Amino acid sequence: MTWFDESRLDDETALGAADLRLRTLAESGARVRREAAGAAEATAIGVTRAQDARPRAVIAAGPDSRLLRAVLEPFCPVPFVAWPGPALPGWAGSLDLVVVLAPVGSDSGAASAVAEAVRRGCQVVVACPPASMVAEHAEGRWTTVLPTVTDDQLATAVVMLSYLHQVGLGPEAEADTVAEALDAVAISCSPHRDISINPAKILAISLADANPLVWGGSVLAARAARRVAESIRRASGRTALAGDAEHLLPVLEATRQRDVFDDPFAAEDGGPGDLRPVLLVLDDGADDPVVREHRGLLQAAATARGVRIETVTADAPGEVARYAELLLTGTYAAEFLRLGLVDD
């Protein structure tokens, strides 16, 4: 039987055993600053080169293209497409810009996409380790390599987004702003901060006896929801779903109404099938009519079925900084959930 021991969240011995994972989260802001500083010179050279002409279209290629899509689709002034496979669209050519995130430089899918872009004569910008398989495949006359040193997808993405903003193809994504948002989360969710005032520990306790349904209203919040649900699944081995309102509503509506006379300890074996859902809303401040409507539908369905609602908010300046804030808070909660779950 697996149960949740919340006392472990403030226990120095238990926290010490999880120190490496928690320290990695705490260093998220430092990684963003380090990557931005390391790529600054290459970024400046690439920006100067790109001033000659605006591309016909932007193609985000490779397995990590979905994050770029979430950021760029609402802002890019030219046609934009995300192409996560190892090839490129048939129409891609010398008039188009291909951007690739490859925080893991040995990624064969990213290397294949870069090699295909170079072969077709596309303008190519790739963020990857300079001495890597992807960098080797990127060698070409129209290629700019933005050097990175960590496998942190967010830090690598900030390097690329900073370049795209400077050439007028994306929103502002200042590395310092993103790093400050991550530092603020690391302070508020520090493992050494008491459980009574630590938002990630409080959220972990709320998730301890439930299967989370994670929802974000904006495109970036929805992306953060998928990443947070993935972290929860990895940390707990439990079901955690992320999706649009139309996907989560049927789950909420099918939930059995809570009976106030139920004995919560009767006939419980701690298995995932015995856990009720909890609605986890990631709120980045998006307030357009569609987001308001979907949030209202989900919250009404949850309330009608007696399903708890938890909300994580982000108020950092800038869309990417708010995405980073939501993602790191949820990831901290997943790690504290992992820490508190013990086998009897």
C-alpha atoms as a PDB file:
ATOM      1  CA  MET A   1       0.000   0.000   0.000  1.00  0.00           C
ATOM      2  CA  THR A   2       1.286   3.478  -0.906  1.00  0.00           C
ATOM      3  CA  TRP A   3       0.390   6.405   1.295  1.00  0.00           C
ATOM      4  CA  PHE A   4       1.457  10.026   1.661  1.00  0.00           C
ATOM      5  CA  ASP A   5       3.519  11.119   4.665  1.00  0.00           C
ATOM      6  CA  GLU A   6       3.463  14.916   4.666  1.00  0.00           C
ATOM      7  CA  SER A   7       5.928  15.088   7.554  1.00  0.00           C
ATOM      8  CA  ARG A   8       8.646  14.034   5.081  1.00  0.00           C
ATOM      9  CA  LEU A   9       8.280  17.377   3.284  1.00  0.00           C
ATOM     10  CA  ASP A  10       9.910  19.168   6.235  1.00  0.00           C
ATOM     11  CA  ASP A  11      12.177  16.303   7.307  1.00  0.00           C
ATOM     12  CA  GLU A  12      15.838  17.159   6.753  1.00  0.00           C
ATOM     13  CA  THR A  13      16.852  13.531   6.180  1.00  0.00           C
ATOM     14  CA  ALA A  14      14.161  12.937   3.571  1.00  0.00           C
ATOM     15  CA  LEU A  15      14.917  16.259   1.872  1.00  0.00           C
ATOM     16  CA  GLY A  16      18.598  15.383   1.808  1.00  0.00           C
ATOM     17  CA  ALA A  17      17.843  12.218  -0.137  1.00  0.00           C
ATOM     18  CA  ALA A  18      16.087  14.315  -2.791  1.00  0.00           C
ATOM     19  CA  ASP A  19      18.696  17.084  -2.771  1.00  0.00           C
ATOM     20  CA  LEU A  20      20.003  16.497  -6.311  1.00  0.00           C
ATOM     21  CA  ARG A  21      16.580  16.748  -7.977  1.00  0.00           C
ATOM     22  CA  LEU A  22      15.537  19.752  -5.890  1.00  0.00           C
ATOM     23  CA  ARG A  23      18.868  21.494  -6.436  1.00  0.00           C
ATOM     24  CA  THR A  24      18.473  21.020 -10.191  1.00  0.00           C
ATOM     25  CA  LEU A  25      15.125  22.807 -10.019  1.00  0.00           C
ATOM     26  CA  ALA A  26      16.568  25.610  -7.889  1.00  0.00           C
ATOM     27  CA  GLU A  27      19.272  26.249 -10.492  1.00  0.00           C
ATOM     28  CA  SER A  28      16.774  26.799 -13.329  1.00  0.00           C
ATOM     29  CA  GLY A  29      17.221  30.588 -13.316  1.00  0.00           C
ATOM     30  CA  ALA A  30      21.005  30.294 -13.265  1.00  0.00           C
ATOM     31  CA  ARG A  31      20.908  27.982 -16.289  1.00  0.00           C
ATOM     32  CA  VAL A  32      18.842  30.494 -18.258  1.00  0.00           C
ATOM     33  CA  ARG A  33      21.343  33.280 -17.486  1.00  0.00           C
ATOM     34  CA  ARG A  34      24.333  31.071 -18.278  1.00  0.00           C
ATOM     35  CA  GLU A  35      22.939  29.942 -21.621  1.00  0.00           C
ATOM     36  CA  ALA A  36      21.965  33.484 -22.639  1.00  0.00           C
ATOM     37  CA  ALA A  37      25.403  34.848 -21.766  1.00  0.00           C
ATOM     38  CA  GLY A  38      27.192  32.008 -23.557  1.00  0.00           C
ATOM     39  CA  ALA A  39      25.194  32.501 -26.755  1.00  0.00           C
ATOM     40  CA  ALA A  40      25.201  36.326 -26.765  1.00  0.00           C
ATOM     41  CA  GLU A  41      28.020  36.737 -29.290  1.00  0.00           C
ATOM     42  CA  ALA A  42      26.632  34.148 -31.719  1.00  0.00           C
ATOM     43  CA  THR A  43      23.170  35.698 -31.343  1.00  0.00           C
ATOM     44  CA  ALA A  44      24.482  39.154 -32.248  1.00  0.00           C
ATOM     45  CA  ILE A  45      26.209  37.785 -35.344  1.00  0.00           C
ATOM     46  CA  GLY A  46      23.050  35.930 -36.380  1.00  0.00           C
ATOM     47  CA  VAL A  47      20.887  39.023 -35.887  1.00  0.00           C
ATOM     48  CA  THR A  48      23.221  41.102 -38.071  1.00  0.00           C
ATOM     49  CA  ARG A  49      23.116  38.470 -40.797  1.00  0.00           C
ATOM     50  CA  ALA A  50      19.300  38.258 -40.668  1.00  0.00           C
ATOM     51  CA  GLN A  51      18.792  42.000 -41.200  1.00  0.00           C
ATOM     52  CA  ASP A  52      19.083  41.627 -44.974  1.00  0.00           C
ATOM     53  CA  ALA A  53      15.655  40.048 -45.555  1.00  0.00           C
ATOM     54  CA  ARG A  54      12.653  38.644 -43.701  1.00  0.00           C
ATOM     55  CA  PRO A  55      12.029  34.935 -44.393  1.00  0.00           C
ATOM     56  CA  ARG A  56       8.981  33.782 -46.318  1.00  0.00           C
ATOM     57  CA  ALA A  57       8.073  31.394 -43.476  1.00  0.00           C
ATOM     58  CA  VAL A  58       9.470  30.053 -40.202  1.00  0.00           C
ATOM     59  CA  ILE A  59       9.667  26.305 -39.614  1.00  0.00           C
ATOM     60  CA  ALA A  60      10.343  25.047 -36.093  1.00  0.00           C
ATOM     61  CA  ALA A  61      11.802  21.607 -36.750  1.00  0.00           C
ATOM     62  CA  GLY A  62      12.826  18.691 -34.594  1.00  0.00           C
ATOM     63  CA  PRO A  63      11.344  16.964 -31.532  1.00  0.00           C
ATOM     64  CA  ASP A  64      11.387  20.098 -29.328  1.00  0.00           C
ATOM     65  CA  SER A  65       9.476  22.274 -31.803  1.00  0.00           C
ATOM     66  CA  ARG A  66       6.194  22.280 -29.860  1.00  0.00           C
ATOM     67  CA  LEU A  67       7.392  24.772 -27.252  1.00  0.00           C
ATOM     68  CA  LEU A  68       8.427  27.207 -29.969  1.00  0.00           C
ATOM     69  CA  ARG A  69       5.031  26.735 -31.597  1.00  0.00           C
ATOM     70  CA  ALA A  70       3.244  27.593 -28.349  1.00  0.00           C
ATOM     71  CA  VAL A  71       5.195  30.856 -28.083  1.00  0.00           C
ATOM     72  CA  LEU A  72       5.426  31.932 -31.717  1.00  0.00           C
ATOM     73  CA  GLU A  73       2.079  31.040 -33.293  1.00  0.00           C
ATOM     74  CA  PRO A  74       0.184  34.038 -31.840  1.00  0.00           C
ATOM     75  CA  PHE A  75       2.995  36.513 -32.644  1.00  0.00           C
ATOM     76  CA  CYS A  76       5.023  35.494 -35.703  1.00  0.00           C
ATOM     77  CA  PRO A  77       4.386  38.022 -38.541  1.00  0.00           C
ATOM     78  CA  VAL A  78       5.112  35.443 -41.280  1.00  0.00           C
ATOM     79  CA  PRO A  79       3.595  31.975 -41.776  1.00  0.00           C
ATOM     80  CA  PHE A  80       4.798  29.610 -39.060  1.00  0.00           C
ATOM     81  CA  VAL A  81       4.697  25.834 -38.817  1.00  0.00           C
ATOM     82  CA  ALA A  82       5.991  23.345 -36.244  1.00  0.00           C
ATOM     83  CA  TRP A  83       7.397  20.173 -37.788  1.00  0.00           C
ATOM     84  CA  PRO A  84       8.441  17.752 -35.033  1.00  0.00           C
ATOM     85  CA  GLY A  85       9.498  14.930 -37.361  1.00  0.00           C
ATOM     86  CA  PRO A  86      13.026  14.277 -38.684  1.00  0.00           C
ATOM     87  CA  ALA A  87      12.219  15.761 -42.133  1.00  0.00           C
ATOM     88  CA  LEU A  88      10.867  19.095 -43.411  1.00  0.00           C
ATOM     89  CA  PRO A  89       7.737  20.135 -45.335  1.00  0.00           C
ATOM     90  CA  GLY A  90       8.095  19.567 -49.051  1.00  0.00           C
ATOM     91  CA  TRP A  91       7.835  23.287 -49.820  1.00  0.00           C
ATOM     92  CA  ALA A  92      10.690  24.400 -47.509  1.00  0.00           C
ATOM     93  CA  GLY A  93      13.500  26.099 -49.397  1.00  0.00           C
ATOM     94  CA  SER A  94      16.017  28.913 -49.520  1.00  0.00           C
ATOM     95  CA  LEU A  95      13.446  31.617 -48.711  1.00  0.00           C
ATOM     96  CA  ASP A  96      12.500  29.993 -45.402  1.00  0.00           C
ATOM     97  CA  LEU A  97      14.006  30.032 -41.920  1.00  0.00           C
ATOM     98  CA  VAL A  98      14.373  26.725 -40.082  1.00  0.00           C
ATOM     99  CA  VAL A  99      14.887  26.961 -36.312  1.00  0.00           C
ATOM    100  CA  VAL A 100      15.814  23.935 -34.223  1.00  0.00           C
ATOM    101  CA  LEU A 101      16.097  23.384 -30.476  1.00  0.00           C
ATOM    102  CA  ALA A 102      18.503  20.577 -29.625  1.00  0.00           C
ATOM    103  CA  PRO A 103      19.391  20.781 -25.926  1.00  0.00           C
ATOM    104  CA  VAL A 104      20.570  17.173 -26.272  1.00  0.00           C
ATOM    105  CA  GLY A 105      23.104  17.481 -29.077  1.00  0.00           C
ATOM    106  CA  SER A 106      23.003  13.779 -29.845  1.00  0.00           C
ATOM    107  CA  ASP A 107      19.319  13.861 -30.855  1.00  0.00           C
ATOM    108  CA  SER A 108      19.144  12.035 -34.181  1.00  0.00           C
ATOM    109  CA  GLY A 109      15.758  13.546 -35.088  1.00  0.00           C
ATOM    110  CA  ALA A 110      17.051  17.102 -34.666  1.00  0.00           C
ATOM    111  CA  ALA A 111      20.261  16.238 -36.550  1.00  0.00           C
ATOM    112  CA  SER A 112      18.258  14.828 -39.459  1.00  0.00           C
ATOM    113  CA  ALA A 113      16.045  17.933 -39.646  1.00  0.00           C
ATOM    114  CA  VAL A 114      19.068  20.246 -39.576  1.00  0.00           C
ATOM    115  CA  ALA A 115      20.887  18.258 -42.264  1.00  0.00           C
ATOM    116  CA  GLU A 116      17.816  18.379 -44.508  1.00  0.00           C
ATOM    117  CA  ALA A 117      17.493  22.147 -44.016  1.00  0.00           C
ATOM    118  CA  VAL A 118      21.149  22.706 -44.924  1.00  0.00           C
ATOM    119  CA  ARG A 119      20.812  20.497 -48.000  1.00  0.00           C
ATOM    120  CA  ARG A 120      17.865  22.537 -49.244  1.00  0.00           C
ATOM    121  CA  GLY A 121      19.667  25.849 -48.718  1.00  0.00           C
ATOM    122  CA  CYS A 122      17.344  27.100 -45.987  1.00  0.00           C
ATOM    123  CA  GLN A 123      18.372  29.746 -43.514  1.00  0.00           C
ATOM    124  CA  VAL A 124      19.098  27.727 -40.361  1.00  0.00           C
ATOM    125  CA  VAL A 125      19.386  28.753 -36.716  1.00  0.00           C
ATOM    126  CA  VAL A 126      20.001  25.937 -34.245  1.00  0.00           C
ATOM    127  CA  ALA A 127      20.520  26.100 -30.479  1.00  0.00           C
ATOM    128  CA  CYS A 128      22.657  23.140 -29.433  1.00  0.00           C
ATOM    129  CA  PRO A 129      25.980  22.189 -27.833  1.00  0.00           C
ATOM    130  CA  PRO A 130      28.750  23.354 -30.203  1.00  0.00           C
ATOM    131  CA  ALA A 131      30.610  20.030 -30.148  1.00  0.00           C
ATOM    132  CA  SER A 132      27.716  17.712 -30.907  1.00  0.00           C
ATOM    133  CA  MET A 133      26.213  15.615 -33.685  1.00  0.00           C
ATOM    134  CA  VAL A 134      23.553  18.252 -34.347  1.00  0.00           C
ATOM    135  CA  ALA A 135      26.169  21.017 -34.679  1.00  0.00           C
ATOM    136  CA  GLU A 136      28.172  18.895 -37.108  1.00  0.00           C
ATOM    137  CA  HIS A 137      25.106  18.415 -39.322  1.00  0.00           C
ATOM    138  CA  ALA A 138      24.393  22.149 -39.157  1.00  0.00           C
ATOM    139  CA  GLU A 139      27.573  23.271 -40.910  1.00  0.00           C
ATOM    140  CA  GLY A 140      26.631  25.434 -43.866  1.00  0.00           C
ATOM    141  CA  ARG A 141      26.849  28.889 -45.398  1.00  0.00           C
ATOM    142  CA  TRP A 142      23.451  30.045 -44.115  1.00  0.00           C
ATOM    143  CA  THR A 143      23.633  28.455 -40.672  1.00  0.00           C
ATOM    144  CA  THR A 144      23.902  30.121 -37.261  1.00  0.00           C
ATOM    145  CA  VAL A 145      24.668  27.927 -34.255  1.00  0.00           C
ATOM    146  CA  LEU A 146      23.669  29.368 -30.887  1.00  0.00           C
ATOM    147  CA  PRO A 147      25.920  27.442 -28.467  1.00  0.00           C
ATOM    148  CA  THR A 148      24.388  25.899 -25.339  1.00  0.00           C
ATOM    149  CA  VAL A 149      25.902  23.781 -22.595  1.00  0.00           C
ATOM    150  CA  THR A 150      22.977  22.238 -20.675  1.00  0.00           C
ATOM    151  CA  ASP A 151      20.176  19.879 -21.656  1.00  0.00           C
ATOM    152  CA  ASP A 152      17.582  22.234 -20.151  1.00  0.00           C
ATOM    153  CA  GLN A 153      14.877  22.695 -22.804  1.00  0.00           C
ATOM    154  CA  LEU A 154      13.561  25.954 -21.333  1.00  0.00           C
ATOM    155  CA  ALA A 155      17.003  27.578 -21.110  1.00  0.00           C
ATOM    156  CA  THR A 156      17.757  26.518 -24.691  1.00  0.00           C
ATOM    157  CA  ALA A 157      14.376  27.854 -25.839  1.00  0.00           C
ATOM    158  CA  VAL A 158      15.022  31.240 -24.209  1.00  0.00           C
ATOM    159  CA  VAL A 159      18.254  31.543 -26.217  1.00  0.00           C
ATOM    160  CA  MET A 160      16.361  30.878 -29.458  1.00  0.00           C
ATOM    161  CA  LEU A 161      13.417  33.120 -28.529  1.00  0.00           C
ATOM    162  CA  SER A 162      15.767  35.980 -27.703  1.00  0.00           C
ATOM    163  CA  TYR A 163      17.229  35.691 -31.204  1.00  0.00           C
ATOM    164  CA  LEU A 164      13.793  35.542 -32.832  1.00  0.00           C
ATOM    165  CA  HIS A 165      12.622  38.595 -30.895  1.00  0.00           C
ATOM    166  CA  GLN A 166      15.651  40.593 -32.014  1.00  0.00           C
ATOM    167  CA  VAL A 167      14.955  39.800 -35.682  1.00  0.00           C
ATOM    168  CA  GLY A 168      11.283  40.737 -35.312  1.00  0.00           C
ATOM    169  CA  LEU A 169       9.821  37.227 -35.532  1.00  0.00           C
ATOM    170  CA  GLY A 170       8.716  36.598 -31.945  1.00  0.00           C
ATOM    171  CA  PRO A 171       7.589  38.202 -28.676  1.00  0.00           C
ATOM    172  CA  GLU A 172       9.928  39.598 -26.070  1.00  0.00           C
ATOM    173  CA  ALA A 173      11.659  36.862 -24.093  1.00  0.00           C
ATOM    174  CA  GLU A 174      14.378  38.543 -22.053  1.00  0.00           C
ATOM    175  CA  ALA A 175      16.569  35.989 -20.322  1.00  0.00           C
ATOM    176  CA  ASP A 176      16.837  38.104 -17.156  1.00  0.00           C
ATOM    177  CA  THR A 177      13.042  38.370 -16.875  1.00  0.00           C
ATOM    178  CA  VAL A 178      12.587  34.614 -17.239  1.00  0.00           C
ATOM    179  CA  ALA A 179      15.449  33.918 -14.838  1.00  0.00           C
ATOM    180  CA  GLU A 180      14.013  36.276 -12.222  1.00  0.00           C
ATOM    181  CA  ALA A 181      10.646  34.514 -12.432  1.00  0.00           C
ATOM    182  CA  LEU A 182      12.368  31.151 -11.958  1.00  0.00           C
ATOM    183  CA  ASP A 183      14.405  32.477  -9.029  1.00  0.00           C
ATOM    184  CA  ALA A 184      11.236  33.749  -7.357  1.00  0.00           C
ATOM    185  CA  VAL A 185       9.657  30.281  -7.628  1.00  0.00           C
ATOM    186  CA  ALA A 186      12.826  28.642  -6.300  1.00  0.00           C
ATOM    187  CA  ILE A 187      12.668  30.890  -3.229  1.00  0.00           C
ATOM    188  CA  SER A 188       8.945  30.453  -2.532  1.00  0.00           C
ATOM    189  CA  CYS A 189       9.092  26.667  -3.156  1.00  0.00           C
ATOM    190  CA  SER A 190      12.441  26.046  -1.449  1.00  0.00           C
ATOM    191  CA  PRO A 191      12.585  22.672   0.337  1.00  0.00           C
ATOM    192  CA  HIS A 192      13.738  24.560   3.425  1.00  0.00           C
ATOM    193  CA  ARG A 193      10.621  26.730   3.467  1.00  0.00           C
ATOM    194  CA  ASP A 194       8.003  25.573   5.946  1.00  0.00           C
ATOM    195  CA  ILE A 195       5.119  23.502   4.660  1.00  0.00           C
ATOM    196  CA  SER A 196       2.583  26.082   5.889  1.00  0.00           C
ATOM    197  CA  ILE A 197       3.821  28.796   3.509  1.00  0.00           C
ATOM    198  CA  ASN A 198       5.331  26.748   0.674  1.00  0.00           C
ATOM    199  CA  PRO A 199       2.948  26.709  -2.333  1.00  0.00           C
ATOM    200  CA  ALA A 200       4.546  23.639  -3.929  1.00  0.00           C
ATOM    201  CA  LYS A 201       4.362  21.600  -0.720  1.00  0.00           C
ATOM    202  CA  ILE A 202       0.740  22.664  -0.203  1.00  0.00           C
ATOM    203  CA  LEU A 203      -0.065  21.640  -3.771  1.00  0.00           C
ATOM    204  CA  ALA A 204       1.689  18.295  -3.325  1.00  0.00           C
ATOM    205  CA  ILE A 205      -0.503  17.565  -0.301  1.00  0.00           C
ATOM    206  CA  SER A 206      -3.592  18.429  -2.359  1.00  0.00           C
ATOM    207  CA  LEU A 207      -2.490  16.011  -5.084  1.00  0.00           C
ATOM    208  CA  ALA A 208      -1.553  13.222  -2.677  1.00  0.00           C
ATOM    209  CA  ASP A 209      -4.960  11.524  -2.639  1.00  0.00           C
ATOM    210  CA  ALA A 210      -6.099  12.357  -6.170  1.00  0.00           C
ATOM    211  CA  ASN A 211      -5.581  11.843  -9.878  1.00  0.00           C
ATOM    212  CA  PRO A 212      -4.922  15.341 -11.269  1.00  0.00           C
ATOM    213  CA  LEU A 213      -6.693  16.823 -14.281  1.00  0.00           C
ATOM    214  CA  VAL A 214      -4.415  19.682 -15.360  1.00  0.00           C
ATOM    215  CA  TRP A 215      -5.741  22.550 -17.484  1.00  0.00           C
ATOM    216  CA  GLY A 216      -4.248  25.758 -18.821  1.00  0.00           C
ATOM    217  CA  GLY A 217      -6.320  28.266 -20.766  1.00  0.00           C
ATOM    218  CA  SER A 218      -3.772  29.986 -23.010  1.00  0.00           C
ATOM    219  CA  VAL A 219      -1.582  28.166 -25.516  1.00  0.00           C
ATOM    220  CA  LEU A 220       1.461  28.462 -23.254  1.00  0.00           C
ATOM    221  CA  ALA A 221      -0.453  27.543 -20.092  1.00  0.00           C
ATOM    222  CA  ALA A 222      -1.764  24.461 -21.897  1.00  0.00           C
ATOM    223  CA  ARG A 223       1.810  23.560 -22.813  1.00  0.00           C
ATOM    224  CA  ALA A 224       2.824  23.980 -19.166  1.00  0.00           C
ATOM    225  CA  ALA A 225      -0.127  21.782 -18.148  1.00  0.00           C
ATOM    226  CA  ARG A 226       1.117  18.939 -20.343  1.00  0.00           C
ATOM    227  CA  ARG A 227       4.613  19.206 -18.922  1.00  0.00           C
ATOM    228  CA  VAL A 228       3.347  19.349 -15.312  1.00  0.00           C
ATOM    229  CA  ALA A 229       1.097  16.316 -15.864  1.00  0.00           C
ATOM    230  CA  GLU A 230       4.098  14.470 -17.277  1.00  0.00           C
ATOM    231  CA  SER A 231       6.149  15.340 -14.186  1.00  0.00           C
ATOM    232  CA  ILE A 232       3.368  14.143 -11.879  1.00  0.00           C
ATOM    233  CA  ARG A 233       3.082  10.827 -13.738  1.00  0.00           C
ATOM    234  CA  ARG A 234       6.832  10.318 -13.574  1.00  0.00           C
ATOM    235  CA  ALA A 235       7.005  11.224  -9.883  1.00  0.00           C
ATOM    236  CA  SER A 236       4.020   9.220  -8.650  1.00  0.00           C
ATOM    237  CA  GLY A 237       3.248   6.524 -11.216  1.00  0.00           C
ATOM    238  CA  ARG A 238      -0.354   7.708 -11.134  1.00  0.00           C
ATOM    239  CA  THR A 239      -2.721   8.890 -13.801  1.00  0.00           C
ATOM    240  CA  ALA A 240      -2.417  12.609 -14.515  1.00  0.00           C
ATOM    241  CA  LEU A 241      -4.254  14.023 -17.513  1.00  0.00           C
ATOM    242  CA  ALA A 242      -3.739  17.333 -19.283  1.00  0.00           C
ATOM    243  CA  GLY A 243      -5.932  18.535 -22.099  1.00  0.00           C
ATOM    244  CA  ASP A 244      -8.387  21.062 -23.438  1.00  0.00           C
ATOM    245  CA  ALA A 245     -11.660  21.694 -21.630  1.00  0.00           C
ATOM    246  CA  GLU A 246     -13.559  19.468 -24.064  1.00  0.00           C
ATOM    247  CA  HIS A 247     -11.297  16.549 -23.121  1.00  0.00           C
ATOM    248  CA  LEU A 248     -11.415  17.052 -19.351  1.00  0.00           C
ATOM    249  CA  LEU A 249     -15.118  17.853 -19.001  1.00  0.00           C
ATOM    250  CA  PRO A 250     -16.298  14.256 -19.668  1.00  0.00           C
ATOM    251  CA  VAL A 251     -13.955  12.992 -16.940  1.00  0.00           C
ATOM    252  CA  LEU A 252     -15.336  15.479 -14.432  1.00  0.00           C
ATOM    253  CA  GLU A 253     -18.944  14.817 -15.432  1.00  0.00           C
ATOM    254  CA  ALA A 254     -18.443  11.049 -15.068  1.00  0.00           C
ATOM    255  CA  THR A 255     -17.035  11.385 -11.546  1.00  0.00           C
ATOM    256  CA  ARG A 256     -19.249   9.913  -8.848  1.00  0.00           C
ATOM    257  CA  GLN A 257     -20.770  12.534  -6.605  1.00  0.00           C
ATOM    258  CA  ARG A 258     -19.003  12.587  -3.248  1.00  0.00           C
ATOM    259  CA  ASP A 259     -21.130  11.234  -0.410  1.00  0.00           C
ATOM    260  CA  VAL A 260     -20.587  13.080   2.858  1.00  0.00           C
ATOM    261  CA  PHE A 261     -21.318   9.836   4.721  1.00  0.00           C
ATOM    262  CA  ASP A 262     -18.579   7.846   2.936  1.00  0.00           C
ATOM    263  CA  ASP A 263     -15.859   6.494   5.191  1.00  0.00           C
ATOM    264  CA  PRO A 264     -12.643   7.625   3.475  1.00  0.00           C
ATOM    265  CA  PHE A 265     -10.740   4.735   5.085  1.00  0.00           C
ATOM    266  CA  ALA A 266     -13.187   1.974   4.178  1.00  0.00           C
ATOM    267  CA  ALA A 267     -12.330  -0.418   1.360  1.00  0.00           C
ATOM    268  CA  GLU A 268      -9.363   1.681   0.306  1.00  0.00           C
ATOM    269  CA  ASP A 269      -6.191  -0.033  -0.857  1.00  0.00           C
ATOM    270  CA  GLY A 270      -4.383   3.085  -2.009  1.00  0.00           C
ATOM    271  CA  GLY A 271      -4.451   2.077  -5.641  1.00  0.00           C
ATOM    272  CA  PRO A 272      -4.814   4.676  -8.401  1.00  0.00           C
ATOM    273  CA  GLY A 273      -8.272   3.388  -9.244  1.00  0.00           C
ATOM    274  CA  ASP A 274      -9.530   4.443  -5.807  1.00  0.00           C
ATOM    275  CA  LEU A 275      -8.464   8.070  -6.200  1.00  0.00           C
ATOM    276  CA  ARG A 276     -10.852  10.849  -7.122  1.00  0.00           C
ATOM    277  CA  PRO A 277      -9.815  13.527  -9.618  1.00  0.00           C
ATOM    278  CA  VAL A 278      -8.694  17.001  -8.639  1.00  0.00           C
ATOM    279  CA  LEU A 279      -8.866  19.871 -11.117  1.00  0.00           C
ATOM    280  CA  LEU A 280      -5.536  21.732 -11.288  1.00  0.00           C
ATOM    281  CA  VAL A 281      -5.863  25.063 -13.109  1.00  0.00           C
ATOM    282  CA  LEU A 282      -2.704  26.777 -14.367  1.00  0.00           C
ATOM    283  CA  ASP A 283      -3.589  30.466 -14.650  1.00  0.00           C
ATOM    284  CA  ASP A 284      -1.173  32.743 -16.508  1.00  0.00           C
ATOM    285  CA  GLY A 285      -3.553  35.688 -16.508  1.00  0.00           C
ATOM    286  CA  ALA A 286      -5.087  35.044 -19.932  1.00  0.00           C
ATOM    287  CA  ASP A 287      -8.573  36.525 -19.815  1.00  0.00           C
ATOM    288  CA  ASP A 288     -10.062  36.329 -23.285  1.00  0.00           C
ATOM    289  CA  PRO A 289     -13.721  35.204 -23.590  1.00  0.00           C
ATOM    290  CA  VAL A 290     -12.916  31.631 -24.678  1.00  0.00           C
ATOM    291  CA  VAL A 291     -10.564  31.070 -21.740  1.00  0.00           C
ATOM    292  CA  ARG A 292     -13.140  32.483 -19.308  1.00  0.00           C
ATOM    293  CA  GLU A 293     -15.864  30.272 -20.744  1.00  0.00           C
ATOM    294  CA  HIS A 294     -13.793  27.093 -20.589  1.00  0.00           C
ATOM    295  CA  ARG A 295     -12.578  27.831 -17.067  1.00  0.00           C
ATOM    296  CA  GLY A 296     -16.167  28.411 -15.960  1.00  0.00           C
ATOM    297  CA  LEU A 297     -17.369  25.142 -17.509  1.00  0.00           C
ATOM    298  CA  LEU A 298     -14.610  23.139 -15.834  1.00  0.00           C
ATOM    299  CA  GLN A 299     -15.052  24.749 -12.437  1.00  0.00           C
ATOM    300  CA  ALA A 300     -18.839  24.339 -12.560  1.00  0.00           C
ATOM    301  CA  ALA A 301     -18.530  20.651 -13.450  1.00  0.00           C
ATOM    302  CA  ALA A 302     -15.967  20.113 -10.690  1.00  0.00           C
ATOM    303  CA  THR A 303     -18.119  21.885  -8.098  1.00  0.00           C
ATOM    304  CA  ALA A 304     -21.210  19.909  -9.106  1.00  0.00           C
ATOM    305  CA  ARG A 305     -19.353  16.629  -8.539  1.00  0.00           C
ATOM    306  CA  GLY A 306     -17.574  17.659  -5.371  1.00  0.00           C
ATOM    307  CA  VAL A 307     -14.174  17.658  -7.076  1.00  0.00           C
ATOM    308  CA  ARG A 308     -11.522  19.852  -5.462  1.00  0.00           C
ATOM    309  CA  ILE A 309     -10.113  22.739  -7.501  1.00  0.00           C
ATOM    310  CA  GLU A 310      -6.513  23.883  -7.081  1.00  0.00           C
ATOM    311  CA  THR A 311      -5.108  26.923  -8.889  1.00  0.00           C
ATOM    312  CA  VAL A 312      -1.510  27.891  -9.637  1.00  0.00           C
ATOM    313  CA  THR A 313      -1.152  31.502 -10.769  1.00  0.00           C
ATOM    314  CA  ALA A 314       1.679  33.332 -12.497  1.00  0.00           C
ATOM    315  CA  ASP A 315       2.086  37.086 -12.661  1.00  0.00           C
ATOM    316  CA  ALA A 316       5.612  37.547 -14.001  1.00  0.00           C
ATOM    317  CA  PRO A 317       6.042  40.110 -16.810  1.00  0.00           C
ATOM    318  CA  GLY A 318       6.018  38.428 -20.219  1.00  0.00           C
ATOM    319  CA  GLU A 319       4.352  35.292 -21.580  1.00  0.00           C
ATOM    320  CA  VAL A 320       7.493  33.134 -21.497  1.00  0.00           C
ATOM    321  CA  ALA A 321       8.290  34.170 -17.910  1.00  0.00           C
ATOM    322  CA  ARG A 322       4.761  33.238 -16.809  1.00  0.00           C
ATOM    323  CA  TYR A 323       5.064  29.893 -18.596  1.00  0.00           C
ATOM    324  CA  ALA A 324       8.347  29.268 -16.774  1.00  0.00           C
ATOM    325  CA  GLU A 325       6.752  30.212 -13.440  1.00  0.00           C
ATOM    326  CA  LEU A 326       3.847  27.791 -13.907  1.00  0.00           C
ATOM    327  CA  LEU A 327       6.092  24.996 -15.119  1.00  0.00           C
ATOM    328  CA  LEU A 328       8.598  25.243 -12.272  1.00  0.00           C
ATOM    329  CA  THR A 329       5.926  25.516  -9.567  1.00  0.00           C
ATOM    330  CA  GLY A 330       4.192  22.406 -10.907  1.00  0.00           C
ATOM    331  CA  THR A 331       7.481  20.532 -11.197  1.00  0.00           C
ATOM    332  CA  TYR A 332       8.390  21.391  -7.602  1.00  0.00           C
ATOM    333  CA  ALA A 333       4.982  20.074  -6.493  1.00  0.00           C
ATOM    334  CA  ALA A 334       5.606  16.835  -8.402  1.00  0.00           C
ATOM    335  CA  GLU A 335       8.957  16.364  -6.672  1.00  0.00           C
ATOM    336  CA  PHE A 336       7.430  16.977  -3.230  1.00  0.00           C
ATOM    337  CA  LEU A 337       4.704  14.493  -4.142  1.00  0.00           C
ATOM    338  CA  ARG A 338       7.406  11.949  -4.969  1.00  0.00           C
ATOM    339  CA  LEU A 339       9.106  12.685  -1.656  1.00  0.00           C
ATOM    340  CA  GLY A 340       5.953  12.210   0.423  1.00  0.00           C
ATOM    341  CA  LEU A 341       4.747   8.957  -1.163  1.00  0.00           C
ATOM    342  CA  VAL A 342       5.992   5.931   0.757  1.00  0.00           C
ATOM    343  CA  ASP A 343       5.309   2.209   0.489  1.00  0.00           C
ATOM    344  CA  ASP A 344       3.894   0.570   3.573  1.00  0.00           C
END
